[in-house]
């Protein structure tokens, strides 16, 4: 029975979540499987991968063929390297201890790279948050300045209206006083004319 190590899709629409399984090649993609080797979640950054490395190596040694994506995942987690080292031990090129040391050194280096990526992502996220906060502060300051300008413009307009009203009242009083003077002058002229006629 030919066996493939492949991904079995789970999760919901737009949010895929995969199981890494060893299954008969004739089985449906999401159908029966022989062994569940791990999980792969591409929705996180970096992607979450949990893999039973020893189980994967056992299936690879028994002739299971990984699909392209499964091969990349197995390589990423070191299953292919472990199989390669096991072949070296079997041929006598390495001892068990040397193979284990090489695998541990490779895993430490890989974990360092993953940690560096996580750190860079968190720093980028913090920088983005700081940039957004700065932009928000600028927008708030601009809004406050605009509201102050509007208040000053309203106060200035109110003062101008008050000054105009005062000037208008003064003009009206001046006009009324002038009219009264004209009326008084007219009345005096009328009196003087009446005296002349009499």
C-alpha atoms as a PDB file:
ATOM      1  CA  UNK A   1       0.000   0.000   0.000  1.00  0.00           C
ATOM      2  CA  UNK A   2       1.640   3.295  -1.097  1.00  0.00           C
ATOM      3  CA  UNK A   3       1.653   5.889   1.701  1.00  0.00           C
ATOM      4  CA  UNK A   4       1.877   9.659   1.405  1.00  0.00           C
ATOM      5  CA  UNK A   5       2.615  12.214   4.088  1.00  0.00           C
ATOM      6  CA  UNK A   6       0.270  15.064   3.272  1.00  0.00           C
ATOM      7  CA  UNK A   7      -1.911  17.818   4.659  1.00  0.00           C
ATOM      8  CA  UNK A   8      -5.529  17.282   5.645  1.00  0.00           C
ATOM      9  CA  UNK A   9      -7.586  20.482   5.637  1.00  0.00           C
ATOM     10  CA  UNK A  10      -9.628  21.533   8.645  1.00  0.00           C
ATOM     11  CA  UNK A  11     -10.761  24.906   9.952  1.00  0.00           C
ATOM     12  CA  UNK A  12     -13.328  27.210   8.414  1.00  0.00           C
ATOM     13  CA  UNK A  13     -13.693  29.123   5.171  1.00  0.00           C
ATOM     14  CA  UNK A  14     -10.852  31.604   4.777  1.00  0.00           C
ATOM     15  CA  UNK A  15      -9.099  30.275   7.927  1.00  0.00           C
ATOM     16  CA  UNK A  16      -7.523  26.956   6.969  1.00  0.00           C
ATOM     17  CA  UNK A  17      -5.946  24.726   9.571  1.00  0.00           C
ATOM     18  CA  UNK A  18      -4.127  21.541   8.559  1.00  0.00           C
ATOM     19  CA  UNK A  19      -3.279  18.189  10.089  1.00  0.00           C
ATOM     20  CA  UNK A  20      -0.080  16.540   8.867  1.00  0.00           C
ATOM     21  CA  UNK A  21      -1.012  12.899   8.291  1.00  0.00           C
ATOM     22  CA  UNK A  22       0.335   9.703   6.830  1.00  0.00           C
ATOM     23  CA  UNK A  23      -2.428   8.354   4.585  1.00  0.00           C
ATOM     24  CA  UNK A  24      -3.012   5.839   1.814  1.00  0.00           C
ATOM     25  CA  UNK A  25      -2.574   7.590  -1.551  1.00  0.00           C
ATOM     26  CA  UNK A  26      -6.013   6.334  -2.652  1.00  0.00           C
ATOM     27  CA  UNK A  27      -7.794   7.880   0.366  1.00  0.00           C
ATOM     28  CA  UNK A  28      -9.673  11.178   0.043  1.00  0.00           C
ATOM     29  CA  UNK A  29      -7.847  14.357   0.991  1.00  0.00           C
ATOM     30  CA  UNK A  30      -9.848  14.784   4.201  1.00  0.00           C
ATOM     31  CA  UNK A  31     -10.717  11.099   4.560  1.00  0.00           C
ATOM     32  CA  UNK A  32      -9.190   8.191   6.467  1.00  0.00           C
ATOM     33  CA  UNK A  33      -5.552   8.392   7.496  1.00  0.00           C
ATOM     34  CA  UNK A  34      -3.087   5.972   9.051  1.00  0.00           C
ATOM     35  CA  UNK A  35      -1.295   8.279  11.506  1.00  0.00           C
ATOM     36  CA  UNK A  36      -1.565  11.899  12.592  1.00  0.00           C
ATOM     37  CA  UNK A  37       1.952  13.370  12.717  1.00  0.00           C
ATOM     38  CA  UNK A  38       1.232  16.993  13.643  1.00  0.00           C
ATOM     39  CA  UNK A  39      -0.539  20.249  12.842  1.00  0.00           C
ATOM     40  CA  UNK A  40       0.153  23.262  10.626  1.00  0.00           C
ATOM     41  CA  UNK A  41      -1.574  26.617  11.137  1.00  0.00           C
ATOM     42  CA  UNK A  42      -0.671  29.181   8.439  1.00  0.00           C
ATOM     43  CA  UNK A  43      -2.945  31.866   9.963  1.00  0.00           C
ATOM     44  CA  UNK A  44      -0.370  32.926  12.568  1.00  0.00           C
ATOM     45  CA  UNK A  45       2.844  34.816  11.858  1.00  0.00           C
ATOM     46  CA  UNK A  46       5.194  32.933  11.864  1.00  0.00           C
ATOM     47  CA  UNK A  47       3.138  29.845  10.997  1.00  0.00           C
ATOM     48  CA  UNK A  48       2.517  27.415  13.872  1.00  0.00           C
ATOM     49  CA  UNK A  49       3.898  23.947  13.197  1.00  0.00           C
ATOM     50  CA  UNK A  50       3.820  21.066  15.663  1.00  0.00           C
ATOM     51  CA  UNK A  51       5.348  17.841  14.368  1.00  0.00           C
ATOM     52  CA  UNK A  52       6.161  14.421  15.793  1.00  0.00           C
ATOM     53  CA  UNK A  53       9.652  14.297  14.226  1.00  0.00           C
ATOM     54  CA  UNK A  54      10.366  10.696  15.271  1.00  0.00           C
ATOM     55  CA  UNK A  55       7.024   9.477  13.874  1.00  0.00           C
ATOM     56  CA  UNK A  56       7.658  11.317  10.602  1.00  0.00           C
ATOM     57  CA  UNK A  57      11.171   9.825  10.337  1.00  0.00           C
ATOM     58  CA  UNK A  58       9.713   6.331  10.941  1.00  0.00           C
ATOM     59  CA  UNK A  59       7.209   6.794   8.096  1.00  0.00           C
ATOM     60  CA  UNK A  60       9.900   8.217   5.792  1.00  0.00           C
ATOM     61  CA  UNK A  61      12.174   5.244   6.519  1.00  0.00           C
ATOM     62  CA  UNK A  62       9.296   2.900   5.682  1.00  0.00           C
ATOM     63  CA  UNK A  63       8.952   4.517   2.242  1.00  0.00           C
ATOM     64  CA  UNK A  64       6.231   7.152   2.700  1.00  0.00           C
ATOM     65  CA  UNK A  65       6.481   9.942   0.112  1.00  0.00           C
ATOM     66  CA  UNK A  66       5.729  13.497   1.288  1.00  0.00           C
ATOM     67  CA  UNK A  67       3.863  15.967  -0.915  1.00  0.00           C
ATOM     68  CA  UNK A  68       5.693  19.192  -1.831  1.00  0.00           C
ATOM     69  CA  UNK A  69       4.170  21.223   1.024  1.00  0.00           C
ATOM     70  CA  UNK A  70       4.630  18.379   3.511  1.00  0.00           C
ATOM     71  CA  UNK A  71       8.259  18.010   2.369  1.00  0.00           C
ATOM     72  CA  UNK A  72       8.855  21.729   3.052  1.00  0.00           C
ATOM     73  CA  UNK A  73       7.312  21.378   6.530  1.00  0.00           C
ATOM     74  CA  UNK A  74       9.322  18.228   7.312  1.00  0.00           C
ATOM     75  CA  UNK A  75      12.489  19.991   6.163  1.00  0.00           C
ATOM     76  CA  UNK A  76      11.633  23.071   8.254  1.00  0.00           C
ATOM     77  CA  UNK A  77      11.167  20.968  11.396  1.00  0.00           C
ATOM     78  CA  UNK A  78      14.263  18.820  10.738  1.00  0.00           C
ATOM     79  CA  UNK A  79      12.625  15.450  10.015  1.00  0.00           C
ATOM     80  CA  UNK A  80      14.458  15.073   6.695  1.00  0.00           C
ATOM     81  CA  UNK A  81      17.787  15.952   8.360  1.00  0.00           C
ATOM     82  CA  UNK A  82      17.140  13.393  11.086  1.00  0.00           C
ATOM     83  CA  UNK A  83      16.371  10.739   8.464  1.00  0.00           C
ATOM     84  CA  UNK A  84      19.578  11.660   6.611  1.00  0.00           C
ATOM     85  CA  UNK A  85      21.603  11.390   9.837  1.00  0.00           C
ATOM     86  CA  UNK A  86      19.947   8.026  10.612  1.00  0.00           C
ATOM     87  CA  UNK A  87      21.075   6.739   7.201  1.00  0.00           C
ATOM     88  CA  UNK A  88      24.616   7.910   8.023  1.00  0.00           C
ATOM     89  CA  UNK A  89      24.511   6.060  11.353  1.00  0.00           C
ATOM     90  CA  UNK A  90      23.207   2.916   9.601  1.00  0.00           C
ATOM     91  CA  UNK A  91      26.081   3.054   7.086  1.00  0.00           C
ATOM     92  CA  UNK A  92      28.635   3.622   9.854  1.00  0.00           C
ATOM     93  CA  UNK A  93      29.689   7.125   8.766  1.00  0.00           C
ATOM     94  CA  UNK A  94      28.513   8.612  12.082  1.00  0.00           C
ATOM     95  CA  UNK A  95      27.944   7.394  15.592  1.00  0.00           C
ATOM     96  CA  UNK A  96      24.561   7.828  17.282  1.00  0.00           C
ATOM     97  CA  UNK A  97      26.009  10.536  19.574  1.00  0.00           C
ATOM     98  CA  UNK A  98      27.483  12.541  16.698  1.00  0.00           C
ATOM     99  CA  UNK A  99      24.190  12.407  14.803  1.00  0.00           C
ATOM    100  CA  UNK A 100      22.305  13.559  17.925  1.00  0.00           C
ATOM    101  CA  UNK A 101      24.766  16.446  18.467  1.00  0.00           C
ATOM    102  CA  UNK A 102      24.448  17.589  14.845  1.00  0.00           C
ATOM    103  CA  UNK A 103      20.654  17.477  15.073  1.00  0.00           C
ATOM    104  CA  UNK A 104      20.636  19.428  18.371  1.00  0.00           C
ATOM    105  CA  UNK A 105      23.003  22.079  16.945  1.00  0.00           C
ATOM    106  CA  UNK A 106      20.779  22.442  13.881  1.00  0.00           C
ATOM    107  CA  UNK A 107      17.653  22.751  16.066  1.00  0.00           C
ATOM    108  CA  UNK A 108      19.258  25.456  18.248  1.00  0.00           C
ATOM    109  CA  UNK A 109      20.242  27.444  15.179  1.00  0.00           C
ATOM    110  CA  UNK A 110      16.734  27.090  13.750  1.00  0.00           C
ATOM    111  CA  UNK A 111      15.116  28.193  17.030  1.00  0.00           C
ATOM    112  CA  UNK A 112      17.435  31.224  17.085  1.00  0.00           C
ATOM    113  CA  UNK A 113      16.282  32.225  13.595  1.00  0.00           C
ATOM    114  CA  UNK A 114      12.620  31.782  14.551  1.00  0.00           C
ATOM    115  CA  UNK A 115      13.160  33.829  17.741  1.00  0.00           C
ATOM    116  CA  UNK A 116      14.856  36.593  15.725  1.00  0.00           C
ATOM    117  CA  UNK A 117      11.923  36.673  13.309  1.00  0.00           C
ATOM    118  CA  UNK A 118       9.415  36.887  16.178  1.00  0.00           C
ATOM    119  CA  UNK A 119      11.433  39.729  17.746  1.00  0.00           C
ATOM    120  CA  UNK A 120      11.587  41.655  14.469  1.00  0.00           C
ATOM    121  CA  UNK A 121       7.838  41.191  13.968  1.00  0.00           C
ATOM    122  CA  UNK A 122       7.059  42.423  17.489  1.00  0.00           C
ATOM    123  CA  UNK A 123       9.376  45.435  17.020  1.00  0.00           C
ATOM    124  CA  UNK A 124       7.710  46.259  13.715  1.00  0.00           C
ATOM    125  CA  UNK A 125       4.308  45.997  15.374  1.00  0.00           C
ATOM    126  CA  UNK A 126       5.378  48.295  18.224  1.00  0.00           C
ATOM    127  CA  UNK A 127       6.821  50.804  15.744  1.00  0.00           C
ATOM    128  CA  UNK A 128       3.546  50.734  13.805  1.00  0.00           C
ATOM    129  CA  UNK A 129       1.558  51.330  17.013  1.00  0.00           C
ATOM    130  CA  UNK A 130       3.854  54.233  17.973  1.00  0.00           C
ATOM    131  CA  UNK A 131       3.465  55.738  14.492  1.00  0.00           C
ATOM    132  CA  UNK A 132      -0.335  55.439  14.700  1.00  0.00           C
ATOM    133  CA  UNK A 133      -0.323  57.038  18.163  1.00  0.00           C
ATOM    134  CA  UNK A 134       1.828  59.937  16.895  1.00  0.00           C
ATOM    135  CA  UNK A 135      -0.512  60.468  13.944  1.00  0.00           C
ATOM    136  CA  UNK A 136      -3.497  60.465  16.298  1.00  0.00           C
ATOM    137  CA  UNK A 137      -1.800  63.024  18.574  1.00  0.00           C
ATOM    138  CA  UNK A 138      -1.110  65.266  15.565  1.00  0.00           C
ATOM    139  CA  UNK A 139      -4.727  64.973  14.434  1.00  0.00           C
ATOM    140  CA  UNK A 140      -5.966  65.854  17.944  1.00  0.00           C
ATOM    141  CA  UNK A 141      -3.647  68.881  18.146  1.00  0.00           C
ATOM    142  CA  UNK A 142      -4.811  70.039  14.711  1.00  0.00           C
ATOM    143  CA  UNK A 143      -8.451  69.595  15.744  1.00  0.00           C
ATOM    144  CA  UNK A 144      -7.870  71.593  18.957  1.00  0.00           C
ATOM    145  CA  UNK A 145      -6.125  74.380  17.015  1.00  0.00           C
ATOM    146  CA  UNK A 146      -9.027  74.514  14.545  1.00  0.00           C
ATOM    147  CA  UNK A 147     -11.580  74.675  17.378  1.00  0.00           C
ATOM    148  CA  UNK A 148      -9.582  77.498  19.056  1.00  0.00           C
ATOM    149  CA  UNK A 149      -9.439  79.400  15.761  1.00  0.00           C
ATOM    150  CA  UNK A 150     -13.189  78.925  15.323  1.00  0.00           C
ATOM    151  CA  UNK A 151     -13.834  80.183  18.874  1.00  0.00           C
ATOM    152  CA  UNK A 152     -11.586  83.195  18.288  1.00  0.00           C
ATOM    153  CA  UNK A 153     -13.327  83.923  14.976  1.00  0.00           C
ATOM    154  CA  UNK A 154     -16.736  83.680  16.704  1.00  0.00           C
ATOM    155  CA  UNK A 155     -15.561  86.004  19.505  1.00  0.00           C
ATOM    156  CA  UNK A 156     -14.145  88.447  16.946  1.00  0.00           C
ATOM    157  CA  UNK A 157     -17.373  88.346  14.931  1.00  0.00           C
ATOM    158  CA  UNK A 158     -19.406  88.915  18.106  1.00  0.00           C
ATOM    159  CA  UNK A 159     -17.180  91.863  19.070  1.00  0.00           C
ATOM    160  CA  UNK A 160     -17.505  93.337  15.563  1.00  0.00           C
ATOM    161  CA  UNK A 161     -21.276  92.889  15.676  1.00  0.00           C
ATOM    162  CA  UNK A 162     -21.391  94.572  19.075  1.00  0.00           C
ATOM    163  CA  UNK A 163     -19.208  97.432  17.821  1.00  0.00           C
ATOM    164  CA  UNK A 164     -21.401  97.778  14.747  1.00  0.00           C
ATOM    165  CA  UNK A 165     -24.525  97.809  16.928  1.00  0.00           C
ATOM    166  CA  UNK A 166     -22.958 100.465  19.175  1.00  0.00           C
ATOM    167  CA  UNK A 167     -21.901 102.529  16.150  1.00  0.00           C
ATOM    168  CA  UNK A 168     -25.395 102.192  14.672  1.00  0.00           C
ATOM    169  CA  UNK A 169     -26.949 103.279  17.958  1.00  0.00           C
ATOM    170  CA  UNK A 170     -24.529 106.239  18.089  1.00  0.00           C
ATOM    171  CA  UNK A 171     -25.371 107.098  14.462  1.00  0.00           C
ATOM    172  CA  UNK A 172     -29.083 106.931  15.256  1.00  0.00           C
ATOM    173  CA  UNK A 173     -28.603 109.180  18.307  1.00  0.00           C
ATOM    174  CA  UNK A 174     -26.560 111.648  16.203  1.00  0.00           C
ATOM    175  CA  UNK A 175     -29.196 111.622  13.506  1.00  0.00           C
ATOM    176  CA  UNK A 176     -31.959 112.136  16.070  1.00  0.00           C
ATOM    177  CA  UNK A 177     -30.006 115.017  17.691  1.00  0.00           C
ATOM    178  CA  UNK A 178     -29.455 116.580  14.265  1.00  0.00           C
ATOM    179  CA  UNK A 179     -33.146 116.206  13.462  1.00  0.00           C
ATOM    180  CA  UNK A 180     -34.052 117.800  16.785  1.00  0.00           C
ATOM    181  CA  UNK A 181     -31.656 120.701  16.066  1.00  0.00           C
ATOM    182  CA  UNK A 182     -33.211 121.157  12.633  1.00  0.00           C
ATOM    183  CA  UNK A 183     -36.697 121.069  14.141  1.00  0.00           C
ATOM    184  CA  UNK A 184     -35.652 123.578  16.818  1.00  0.00           C
ATOM    185  CA  UNK A 185     -34.082 125.841  14.204  1.00  0.00           C
ATOM    186  CA  UNK A 186     -37.179 125.578  12.057  1.00  0.00           C
ATOM    187  CA  UNK A 187     -39.366 126.373  15.054  1.00  0.00           C
ATOM    188  CA  UNK A 188     -37.224 129.458  15.876  1.00  0.00           C
ATOM    189  CA  UNK A 189     -37.390 130.653  12.317  1.00  0.00           C
ATOM    190  CA  UNK A 190     -41.112 130.228  12.386  1.00  0.00           C
ATOM    191  CA  UNK A 191     -41.303 132.250  15.619  1.00  0.00           C
ATOM    192  CA  UNK A 192     -39.111 135.018  14.216  1.00  0.00           C
ATOM    193  CA  UNK A 193     -41.240 135.193  11.095  1.00  0.00           C
ATOM    194  CA  UNK A 194     -44.375 135.326  13.209  1.00  0.00           C
ATOM    195  CA  UNK A 195     -42.876 138.238  15.191  1.00  0.00           C
ATOM    196  CA  UNK A 196     -41.979 140.041  11.989  1.00  0.00           C
ATOM    197  CA  UNK A 197     -45.468 139.611  10.632  1.00  0.00           C
ATOM    198  CA  UNK A 198     -46.980 140.852  13.837  1.00  0.00           C
END
